[in-house]
Amino acid sequence: MESEDLVNEWFEKWEQGEYLDLPITDNFRHTSPFGSIDGKKTYLELVKQNEDKFLGQTFEIQDGIYGPDKACVRYTAKQRDDFSLDVSEWYYIKAGLIEEIYAYYHIGEVREDGRLDT
């Protein structure tokens, strides 16, 4: 399976709420601003405990770069009318499954001393 098809399957499974069927390896690792989660079982347990935060999202893909064993996708995740998050993610693929994801997004307010003057 091509990396683009695999990443599209990832997003389709999320939009359909079928997270138990995500195309991920048993040793899957997900790293985000919240930390790292190691193992498919641990990842799926975390999602199950937090379904209200994970499910019901739609994804608008803005851009993607696809190679034979990795991909990078920039997208906007939306949930209800009050949540929108711009994300960039790197996907690393092994044996036709996603083995690792690095997600980059902003998780909080910018401190006043960190703001840029315009």
N, C-alpha and C. Protein backbone atom coordinates (compact mmCIF):
# COMPACT_ATOMS: atom_id res chain seq x y z
N MET A 1 0.84 -1.19 0.00
CA MET A 1 0.00 0.00 0.00
C MET A 1 0.88 1.24 0.00
N GLU A 2 0.54 2.20 -0.81
CA GLU A 2 1.27 3.45 -0.88
C GLU A 2 1.06 4.25 0.41
N SER A 3 2.04 5.08 0.76
CA SER A 3 1.94 5.85 2.00
C SER A 3 0.72 6.79 1.97
N GLU A 4 0.40 7.37 0.82
CA GLU A 4 -0.75 8.27 0.75
C GLU A 4 -2.04 7.50 1.04
N ASP A 5 -2.18 6.31 0.50
CA ASP A 5 -3.36 5.49 0.74
C ASP A 5 -3.46 5.11 2.22
N LEU A 6 -2.34 4.78 2.82
CA LEU A 6 -2.32 4.39 4.22
C LEU A 6 -2.72 5.57 5.12
N VAL A 7 -2.19 6.74 4.85
CA VAL A 7 -2.54 7.93 5.63
C VAL A 7 -4.02 8.27 5.43
N ASN A 8 -4.51 8.15 4.21
CA ASN A 8 -5.94 8.40 3.97
C ASN A 8 -6.81 7.41 4.74
N GLU A 9 -6.37 6.16 4.81
CA GLU A 9 -7.10 5.16 5.60
C GLU A 9 -7.12 5.55 7.08
N TRP A 10 -5.99 6.05 7.59
CA TRP A 10 -5.90 6.52 8.98
C TRP A 10 -7.00 7.56 9.25
N PHE A 11 -7.09 8.57 8.39
CA PHE A 11 -8.09 9.62 8.58
C PHE A 11 -9.51 9.10 8.42
N GLU A 12 -9.74 8.22 7.46
CA GLU A 12 -11.07 7.64 7.26
C GLU A 12 -11.53 6.86 8.48
N LYS A 13 -10.64 6.07 9.06
CA LYS A 13 -10.98 5.29 10.26
C LYS A 13 -11.36 6.23 11.41
N TRP A 14 -10.62 7.31 11.57
CA TRP A 14 -10.94 8.27 12.62
C TRP A 14 -12.31 8.91 12.37
N GLU A 15 -12.57 9.35 11.16
CA GLU A 15 -13.85 10.01 10.86
C GLU A 15 -15.03 9.05 11.04
N GLN A 16 -14.80 7.76 10.81
CA GLN A 16 -15.86 6.76 10.96
C GLN A 16 -15.97 6.24 12.39
N GLY A 17 -15.06 6.67 13.27
CA GLY A 17 -15.08 6.21 14.65
C GLY A 17 -14.56 4.79 14.82
N GLU A 18 -13.84 4.29 13.83
CA GLU A 18 -13.35 2.91 13.83
C GLU A 18 -11.89 2.84 14.30
N TYR A 19 -11.60 3.45 15.44
CA TYR A 19 -10.22 3.53 15.90
C TYR A 19 -9.62 2.17 16.27
N LEU A 20 -10.45 1.17 16.53
CA LEU A 20 -9.91 -0.16 16.83
C LEU A 20 -9.31 -0.81 15.58
N ASP A 21 -9.66 -0.28 14.40
CA ASP A 21 -9.16 -0.81 13.13
C ASP A 21 -8.11 0.08 12.48
N LEU A 22 -7.48 0.96 13.26
CA LEU A 22 -6.44 1.82 12.69
C LEU A 22 -5.30 0.98 12.13
N PRO A 23 -4.72 1.40 11.00
CA PRO A 23 -3.64 0.63 10.37
C PRO A 23 -2.29 0.90 11.05
N ILE A 24 -2.14 0.40 12.29
CA ILE A 24 -0.93 0.66 13.07
C ILE A 24 -0.30 -0.65 13.54
N THR A 25 1.02 -0.61 13.74
CA THR A 25 1.75 -1.79 14.20
C THR A 25 1.51 -2.00 15.70
N ASP A 26 1.83 -3.19 16.18
CA ASP A 26 1.69 -3.50 17.60
C ASP A 26 2.60 -2.62 18.46
N ASN A 27 3.75 -2.23 17.91
CA ASN A 27 4.68 -1.38 18.66
C ASN A 27 4.55 0.10 18.27
N PHE A 28 3.37 0.46 17.80
CA PHE A 28 3.06 1.84 17.40
C PHE A 28 3.47 2.82 18.50
N ARG A 29 3.98 3.97 18.06
CA ARG A 29 4.35 5.05 18.99
C ARG A 29 3.80 6.36 18.45
N HIS A 30 3.14 7.12 19.33
CA HIS A 30 2.60 8.42 18.95
C HIS A 30 3.20 9.47 19.86
N THR A 31 3.83 10.47 19.26
CA THR A 31 4.46 11.56 20.01
C THR A 31 3.79 12.86 19.61
N SER A 32 3.39 13.64 20.63
CA SER A 32 2.73 14.92 20.42
C SER A 32 3.19 15.88 21.51
N PRO A 33 2.70 17.12 21.49
CA PRO A 33 3.05 18.05 22.57
C PRO A 33 2.64 17.54 23.96
N PHE A 34 1.75 16.55 24.02
CA PHE A 34 1.33 15.98 25.30
C PHE A 34 2.24 14.87 25.78
N GLY A 35 3.18 14.42 24.94
CA GLY A 35 4.09 13.33 25.32
C GLY A 35 4.03 12.19 24.33
N SER A 36 4.61 11.06 24.73
CA SER A 36 4.65 9.88 23.85
C SER A 36 3.82 8.75 24.44
N ILE A 37 3.19 8.01 23.55
CA ILE A 37 2.42 6.83 23.92
C ILE A 37 3.06 5.66 23.18
N ASP A 38 3.46 4.64 23.91
CA ASP A 38 4.14 3.49 23.32
C ASP A 38 3.23 2.27 23.32
N GLY A 39 3.06 1.68 22.14
CA GLY A 39 2.31 0.44 21.99
C GLY A 39 0.88 0.66 21.53
N LYS A 40 0.46 -0.19 20.60
CA LYS A 40 -0.90 -0.12 20.07
C LYS A 40 -1.93 -0.28 21.18
N LYS A 41 -1.73 -1.25 22.05
CA LYS A 41 -2.68 -1.52 23.13
C LYS A 41 -2.84 -0.29 24.03
N THR A 42 -1.74 0.30 24.44
CA THR A 42 -1.78 1.48 25.31
C THR A 42 -2.46 2.65 24.60
N TYR A 43 -2.15 2.84 23.32
CA TYR A 43 -2.74 3.93 22.54
C TYR A 43 -4.26 3.77 22.46
N LEU A 44 -4.71 2.55 22.11
CA LEU A 44 -6.14 2.32 21.96
C LEU A 44 -6.88 2.42 23.29
N GLU A 45 -6.25 2.02 24.37
CA GLU A 45 -6.86 2.16 25.70
C GLU A 45 -7.03 3.64 26.05
N LEU A 46 -6.04 4.45 25.73
CA LEU A 46 -6.12 5.89 25.99
C LEU A 46 -7.26 6.52 25.19
N VAL A 47 -7.38 6.13 23.93
CA VAL A 47 -8.46 6.65 23.09
C VAL A 47 -9.80 6.24 23.68
N LYS A 48 -9.95 4.98 24.05
CA LYS A 48 -11.21 4.50 24.61
C LYS A 48 -11.61 5.30 25.86
N GLN A 49 -10.64 5.59 26.71
CA GLN A 49 -10.92 6.35 27.94
C GLN A 49 -11.27 7.81 27.65
N ASN A 50 -10.93 8.29 26.45
CA ASN A 50 -11.12 9.70 26.09
C ASN A 50 -11.86 9.84 24.76
N GLU A 51 -12.82 8.96 24.50
CA GLU A 51 -13.53 8.99 23.22
C GLU A 51 -14.14 10.36 22.93
N ASP A 52 -14.61 11.05 23.96
CA ASP A 52 -15.23 12.36 23.75
C ASP A 52 -14.25 13.37 23.16
N LYS A 53 -12.97 13.17 23.40
CA LYS A 53 -11.96 14.09 22.86
C LYS A 53 -11.46 13.65 21.48
N PHE A 54 -11.52 12.35 21.21
CA PHE A 54 -10.96 11.82 19.97
C PHE A 54 -11.97 11.62 18.84
N LEU A 55 -13.19 11.24 19.19
CA LEU A 55 -14.16 10.89 18.15
C LEU A 55 -15.00 12.08 17.72
N GLY A 56 -15.63 11.95 16.57
CA GLY A 56 -16.49 13.01 16.05
C GLY A 56 -15.74 14.12 15.35
N GLN A 57 -14.51 13.85 14.96
CA GLN A 57 -13.72 14.86 14.27
C GLN A 57 -13.80 14.65 12.75
N THR A 58 -13.65 15.74 12.03
CA THR A 58 -13.44 15.69 10.59
C THR A 58 -12.08 16.30 10.30
N PHE A 59 -11.53 15.96 9.16
CA PHE A 59 -10.17 16.39 8.84
C PHE A 59 -10.13 16.99 7.44
N GLU A 60 -9.58 18.18 7.36
CA GLU A 60 -9.39 18.85 6.08
C GLU A 60 -7.89 18.86 5.79
N ILE A 61 -7.49 18.07 4.81
CA ILE A 61 -6.08 17.96 4.44
C ILE A 61 -5.69 19.18 3.61
N GLN A 62 -4.66 19.90 4.05
CA GLN A 62 -4.16 21.05 3.30
C GLN A 62 -3.01 20.68 2.37
N ASP A 63 -2.17 19.75 2.82
CA ASP A 63 -0.95 19.46 2.06
C ASP A 63 -0.39 18.13 2.51
N GLY A 64 0.35 17.47 1.64
CA GLY A 64 0.98 16.22 2.01
C GLY A 64 2.20 15.95 1.15
N ILE A 65 3.17 15.31 1.76
CA ILE A 65 4.36 14.83 1.06
C ILE A 65 4.42 13.34 1.35
N TYR A 66 4.53 12.51 0.31
CA TYR A 66 4.44 11.07 0.47
C TYR A 66 5.65 10.37 -0.13
N GLY A 67 6.29 9.54 0.65
CA GLY A 67 7.42 8.74 0.20
C GLY A 67 7.11 7.27 0.39
N PRO A 68 8.06 6.40 0.08
CA PRO A 68 7.80 4.97 0.18
C PRO A 68 7.60 4.47 1.62
N ASP A 69 8.24 5.09 2.60
CA ASP A 69 8.12 4.59 3.97
C ASP A 69 7.84 5.69 4.99
N LYS A 70 7.44 6.87 4.49
CA LYS A 70 7.06 7.95 5.40
C LYS A 70 6.23 8.98 4.64
N ALA A 71 5.53 9.80 5.43
CA ALA A 71 4.70 10.86 4.85
C ALA A 71 4.63 12.00 5.85
N CYS A 72 4.34 13.18 5.34
CA CYS A 72 4.10 14.34 6.19
C CYS A 72 2.82 15.00 5.69
N VAL A 73 1.90 15.25 6.62
CA VAL A 73 0.60 15.80 6.25
C VAL A 73 0.30 17.01 7.13
N ARG A 74 -0.22 18.05 6.50
CA ARG A 74 -0.69 19.24 7.21
C ARG A 74 -2.20 19.28 7.04
N TYR A 75 -2.92 19.37 8.18
CA TYR A 75 -4.37 19.32 8.13
C TYR A 75 -5.01 20.15 9.24
N THR A 76 -6.32 20.37 9.11
CA THR A 76 -7.11 20.99 10.17
C THR A 76 -8.11 19.96 10.67
N ALA A 77 -8.09 19.73 11.97
CA ALA A 77 -9.07 18.85 12.61
C ALA A 77 -10.19 19.72 13.17
N LYS A 78 -11.43 19.29 12.95
CA LYS A 78 -12.59 20.04 13.46
C LYS A 78 -13.50 19.08 14.21
N GLN A 79 -14.05 19.59 15.32
CA GLN A 79 -14.98 18.81 16.13
C GLN A 79 -16.06 19.77 16.63
N ARG A 80 -17.31 19.41 16.38
CA ARG A 80 -18.43 20.29 16.71
C ARG A 80 -18.21 21.65 16.02
N ASP A 81 -18.85 22.67 16.52
CA ASP A 81 -18.69 24.01 15.95
C ASP A 81 -17.66 24.84 16.71
N ASP A 82 -17.11 24.26 17.79
CA ASP A 82 -16.26 25.07 18.67
C ASP A 82 -14.81 24.62 18.74
N PHE A 83 -14.41 23.67 17.90
CA PHE A 83 -13.04 23.18 17.99
C PHE A 83 -12.41 23.08 16.61
N SER A 84 -11.23 23.67 16.48
CA SER A 84 -10.46 23.60 15.24
C SER A 84 -8.99 23.61 15.62
N LEU A 85 -8.22 22.69 15.04
CA LEU A 85 -6.81 22.57 15.39
C LEU A 85 -6.00 22.32 14.12
N ASP A 86 -5.00 23.17 13.87
CA ASP A 86 -4.10 22.98 12.74
C ASP A 86 -2.94 22.11 13.19
N VAL A 87 -2.67 21.06 12.40
CA VAL A 87 -1.71 20.03 12.78
C VAL A 87 -0.79 19.71 11.60
N SER A 88 0.47 19.42 11.92
CA SER A 88 1.39 18.80 10.97
C SER A 88 1.85 17.50 11.60
N GLU A 89 1.84 16.42 10.83
CA GLU A 89 2.24 15.12 11.36
C GLU A 89 3.17 14.41 10.39
N TRP A 90 4.17 13.75 10.97
CA TRP A 90 5.04 12.84 10.24
C TRP A 90 4.61 11.43 10.55
N TYR A 91 4.46 10.61 9.51
CA TYR A 91 4.07 9.20 9.63
C TYR A 91 5.23 8.35 9.15
N TYR A 92 5.61 7.37 9.95
CA TYR A 92 6.67 6.42 9.58
C TYR A 92 6.04 5.05 9.43
N ILE A 93 6.31 4.40 8.30
CA ILE A 93 5.60 3.20 7.89
C ILE A 93 6.54 2.00 7.86
N LYS A 94 6.02 0.86 8.34
CA LYS A 94 6.77 -0.38 8.30
C LYS A 94 5.82 -1.53 7.98
N ALA A 95 6.17 -2.31 6.98
CA ALA A 95 5.38 -3.49 6.58
C ALA A 95 3.92 -3.14 6.31
N GLY A 96 3.68 -1.99 5.67
CA GLY A 96 2.33 -1.62 5.27
C GLY A 96 1.46 -1.06 6.38
N LEU A 97 2.05 -0.76 7.54
CA LEU A 97 1.30 -0.19 8.65
C LEU A 97 2.05 1.03 9.20
N ILE A 98 1.33 1.89 9.89
CA ILE A 98 1.95 3.05 10.51
C ILE A 98 2.62 2.60 11.80
N GLU A 99 3.92 2.83 11.90
CA GLU A 99 4.67 2.43 13.08
C GLU A 99 4.86 3.58 14.07
N GLU A 100 4.93 4.80 13.52
CA GLU A 100 5.20 5.94 14.39
C GLU A 100 4.62 7.20 13.78
N ILE A 101 4.13 8.09 14.67
CA ILE A 101 3.63 9.40 14.26
C ILE A 101 4.22 10.44 15.20
N TYR A 102 4.70 11.53 14.60
CA TYR A 102 5.11 12.72 15.35
C TYR A 102 4.13 13.82 14.96
N ALA A 103 3.39 14.34 15.93
CA ALA A 103 2.37 15.36 15.69
C ALA A 103 2.84 16.69 16.27
N TYR A 104 2.65 17.75 15.49
CA TYR A 104 3.04 19.09 15.90
C TYR A 104 1.83 20.02 15.82
N TYR A 105 1.50 20.64 16.96
CA TYR A 105 0.41 21.61 17.02
C TYR A 105 0.54 22.43 18.28
N HIS A 106 -0.18 23.55 18.30
CA HIS A 106 -0.14 24.48 19.42
C HIS A 106 -1.18 24.05 20.46
N ILE A 107 -0.79 23.92 21.73
CA ILE A 107 -1.72 23.42 22.74
C ILE A 107 -2.11 24.45 23.79
N GLY A 108 -1.72 25.69 23.63
CA GLY A 108 -2.09 26.67 24.64
C GLY A 108 -1.90 28.09 24.16
N GLU A 109 -2.19 29.00 25.04
CA GLU A 109 -2.05 30.41 24.73
C GLU A 109 -0.58 30.81 24.66
N VAL A 110 -0.28 31.77 23.82
CA VAL A 110 1.07 32.30 23.73
C VAL A 110 1.26 33.30 24.88
N ARG A 111 2.31 33.11 25.65
CA ARG A 111 2.60 34.05 26.75
C ARG A 111 2.78 35.46 26.20
N GLU A 112 2.43 36.43 26.99
CA GLU A 112 2.56 37.83 26.56
C GLU A 112 3.99 38.16 26.16
N ASP A 113 4.98 37.65 26.92
CA ASP A 113 6.38 37.94 26.59
C ASP A 113 6.88 37.16 25.37
N GLY A 114 6.06 36.24 24.87
CA GLY A 114 6.43 35.48 23.69
C GLY A 114 5.78 35.96 22.41
N ARG A 115 4.90 36.94 22.52
CA ARG A 115 4.19 37.47 21.36
C ARG A 115 5.12 38.30 20.48
N LEU A 116 4.88 38.27 19.20
CA LEU A 116 5.64 39.09 18.26
C LEU A 116 4.91 40.40 18.06
N ASP A 117 5.64 41.49 18.02
CA ASP A 117 5.03 42.80 17.76
C ASP A 117 4.72 42.92 16.27
N THR A 118 3.55 43.46 15.99
CA THR A 118 3.17 43.66 14.57
C THR A 118 2.94 45.11 14.29
